[in-house]
Amino acid sequence: MGKMLFIISHGFEKAGRATRAFQFAKVACEKKHDVKVFLIDDAIHWAQLGMAEGARASTGEEMKPLIDFMMANGGEMIACKA
């Protein structure tokens, strides 16, 4: 399968956009792609325990289950704290 990199820069102020990106990462994991999510800027907070709780997209998808699925199925999350 292919390799996919998702770069997320949105934090709490645009949690819906970040959630949608994690939704696409989950779909890529389901299709057995090699998935990496790179968090920059305000998005680095999503890598901290508990921060994704309650965050959701406007369509209703919750971020936490998407991250959990991705991580349990071979996905990788990298946070740039610079």
Protein backbone atom coordinates (compact mmCIF):
# COMPACT_ATOMS: atom_id res chain seq x y z
CA MET A 1 0.00 0.00 0.00
CA GLY A 2 0.92 3.65 -0.19
CA LYS A 3 2.36 6.06 2.31
CA MET A 4 0.28 9.01 3.51
CA LEU A 5 1.30 12.05 5.54
CA PHE A 6 -1.28 14.36 7.08
CA ILE A 7 -0.04 17.73 8.35
CA ILE A 8 -2.38 19.35 10.87
CA SER A 9 -1.88 22.88 12.18
CA HIS A 10 -5.32 23.64 13.66
CA GLY A 11 -5.85 23.51 17.40
CA PHE A 12 -8.83 24.15 19.65
CA GLU A 13 -10.10 27.20 17.75
CA LYS A 14 -10.68 25.07 14.64
CA ALA A 15 -11.15 21.63 16.19
CA GLY A 16 -13.57 20.63 13.45
CA ARG A 17 -10.92 21.00 10.77
CA ALA A 18 -8.42 18.98 12.78
CA THR A 19 -11.04 16.29 13.41
CA ARG A 20 -11.75 16.00 9.68
CA ALA A 21 -8.04 15.48 8.99
CA PHE A 22 -7.93 12.68 11.59
CA GLN A 23 -11.01 11.19 9.94
CA PHE A 24 -9.13 10.98 6.62
CA ALA A 25 -6.14 9.45 8.43
CA LYS A 26 -8.45 6.79 9.90
CA VAL A 27 -9.82 5.96 6.46
CA ALA A 28 -6.25 5.62 5.15
CA CYS A 29 -5.45 3.22 8.03
CA GLU A 30 -8.55 1.19 7.22
CA LYS A 31 -7.25 0.83 3.67
CA LYS A 32 -3.90 -0.40 5.07
CA HIS A 33 -1.82 2.60 4.03
CA ASP A 34 1.26 3.62 6.02
CA VAL A 35 -0.14 6.67 7.85
CA LYS A 36 1.71 9.43 9.66
CA VAL A 37 0.12 12.54 11.18
CA PHE A 38 2.45 15.49 11.72
CA LEU A 39 1.20 18.07 14.21
CA ILE A 40 2.53 21.63 13.99
CA ASP A 41 1.61 25.02 15.45
CA ASP A 42 -1.58 24.90 17.54
CA ALA A 43 -2.23 21.26 16.64
CA ILE A 44 0.54 19.97 18.92
CA HIS A 45 -1.99 19.97 21.76
CA TRP A 46 -3.84 17.03 20.18
CA ALA A 47 -0.88 14.82 21.09
CA GLN A 48 -1.40 15.49 24.81
CA LEU A 49 -3.48 13.00 26.76
CA GLY A 50 -7.09 14.07 27.17
CA MET A 51 -6.97 17.08 24.84
CA ALA A 52 -8.94 15.39 22.05
CA GLU A 53 -11.82 14.52 24.40
CA GLY A 54 -14.99 16.24 23.21
CA ALA A 55 -13.49 17.68 20.01
CA ARG A 56 -15.65 16.96 17.00
CA ALA A 57 -16.29 17.90 13.39
CA SER A 58 -19.43 19.75 12.32
CA THR A 59 -20.65 16.44 10.91
CA GLY A 60 -20.54 14.87 14.38
CA GLU A 61 -17.42 12.70 14.24
CA GLU A 62 -15.45 12.78 17.50
CA MET A 63 -11.69 13.18 17.35
CA LYS A 64 -10.66 10.83 20.19
CA PRO A 65 -12.02 7.59 18.65
CA LEU A 66 -10.42 8.52 15.32
CA ILE A 67 -7.00 9.00 16.95
CA ASP A 68 -7.41 5.80 18.98
CA PHE A 69 -8.25 3.78 15.86
CA MET A 70 -5.36 5.25 13.90
CA MET A 71 -2.83 4.56 16.67
CA ALA A 72 -4.13 1.02 17.27
CA ASN A 73 -3.84 0.21 13.56
CA GLY A 74 -0.27 1.20 12.83
CA GLY A 75 -0.64 4.97 12.41
CA GLU A 76 1.99 7.29 13.80
CA MET A 77 1.58 10.77 15.29
CA ILE A 78 4.53 13.17 15.39
CA ALA A 79 4.37 16.53 17.17
CA CYS A 80 6.75 19.40 16.43
CA LYS A 81 7.10 21.46 19.57
CA ALA A 82 9.30 24.13 18.01
